[in-house]
Amino acid sequence: MYFVYILFSTKTNKYYIGSTDSPESRLKHHNAGATPSTKSGAPFWEIKYLEKLADRSIALKRELEIKKKKSRKYLEYLISSVG
């Protein structure tokens, strides 16, 4: 089981999209400042959206699909859709 996730940092007011098989450990990694692209938002990242997918290749395709939208409005739509 893999997940596509959207994180939000209250420090930078930015979103980050990624995929993993372990969302909680990945969140800890981001909040530890261990990922260069999210270091500036640490330690204030929160998981706002999780989408469960069957395997890694499907998760990577979905991650790219979301990233290609390049739209904050779309990310907020996805987040609001999970209620």
Protein backbone atom coordinates (compact mmCIF):
# COMPACT_ATOMS: atom_id res chain seq x y z
CA MET A 1 0.00 0.00 0.00
CA TYR A 2 1.30 3.45 -0.99
CA PHE A 3 0.03 6.92 -0.32
CA VAL A 4 0.11 10.28 -2.04
CA TYR A 5 0.19 13.03 0.57
CA ILE A 6 -0.13 16.77 0.74
CA LEU A 7 1.64 18.57 3.56
CA PHE A 8 1.12 22.16 4.66
CA SER A 9 3.54 24.28 6.66
CA THR A 10 2.10 27.08 8.77
CA LYS A 11 5.61 28.58 8.90
CA THR A 12 5.92 29.12 5.14
CA ASN A 13 2.21 28.96 4.16
CA LYS A 14 3.16 26.42 1.46
CA TYR A 15 2.08 22.96 0.36
CA TYR A 16 4.26 19.99 -0.52
CA ILE A 17 3.16 16.90 -2.47
CA GLY A 18 4.85 13.52 -2.17
CA SER A 19 4.32 9.77 -2.03
CA THR A 20 5.41 7.10 0.43
CA ASP A 21 4.55 3.75 1.97
CA SER A 22 4.76 5.24 5.48
CA PRO A 23 3.13 8.69 5.83
CA GLU A 24 3.87 9.15 9.54
CA SER A 25 7.59 8.37 9.26
CA ARG A 26 7.81 10.55 6.14
CA LEU A 27 6.21 13.43 8.05
CA LYS A 28 8.81 13.05 10.80
CA HIS A 29 11.53 13.15 8.13
CA HIS A 30 10.15 16.41 6.68
CA ASN A 31 9.75 17.98 10.13
CA ALA A 32 13.32 17.04 11.05
CA GLY A 33 14.52 19.24 8.17
CA ALA A 34 16.07 16.24 6.42
CA THR A 35 14.49 17.00 3.03
CA PRO A 36 16.06 20.01 1.27
CA SER A 37 12.84 21.08 -0.47
CA THR A 38 10.86 21.19 2.79
CA LYS A 39 13.57 22.26 5.23
CA SER A 40 12.37 25.88 5.36
CA GLY A 41 8.93 24.80 6.58
CA ALA A 42 10.16 22.50 9.35
CA PRO A 43 9.06 21.66 11.98
CA PHE A 44 5.59 22.89 11.11
CA TRP A 45 4.51 20.44 8.39
CA GLU A 46 1.11 18.78 8.83
CA ILE A 47 -0.52 16.08 6.72
CA LYS A 48 -3.59 17.65 5.12
CA TYR A 49 -4.43 14.96 2.54
CA LEU A 50 -3.76 11.25 2.10
CA GLU A 51 -4.77 9.15 -0.88
CA LYS A 52 -4.31 5.39 -0.60
CA LEU A 53 -3.11 3.60 -3.75
CA ALA A 54 -2.32 0.01 -4.64
CA ASP A 55 1.40 0.28 -5.41
CA ARG A 56 4.37 2.59 -5.83
CA SER A 57 4.08 3.11 -9.59
CA ILE A 58 0.43 4.16 -9.32
CA ALA A 59 1.29 6.48 -6.42
CA LEU A 60 4.11 8.12 -8.40
CA LYS A 61 1.80 8.67 -11.39
CA ARG A 62 -0.84 10.24 -9.15
CA GLU A 63 1.78 12.43 -7.43
CA LEU A 64 2.94 13.75 -10.82
CA GLU A 65 -0.67 14.29 -11.93
CA ILE A 66 -1.31 16.48 -8.88
CA LYS A 67 2.00 18.36 -9.26
CA LYS A 68 1.32 19.09 -12.95
CA LYS A 69 -1.82 21.01 -12.01
CA LYS A 70 0.43 23.65 -10.37
CA SER A 71 -2.60 25.00 -8.60
CA ARG A 72 -3.00 25.90 -4.93
CA LYS A 73 -6.75 26.04 -5.56
CA TYR A 74 -6.71 22.42 -6.77
CA LEU A 75 -4.73 21.29 -3.71
CA GLU A 76 -7.21 23.03 -1.43
CA TYR A 77 -10.07 21.40 -3.35
CA LEU A 78 -8.52 17.95 -2.78
CA ILE A 79 -8.01 18.71 0.91
CA SER A 80 -11.59 19.90 1.35
CA SER A 81 -12.93 16.84 -0.48
CA VAL A 82 -11.81 14.50 2.33
CA GLY A 83 -14.00 16.37 4.81
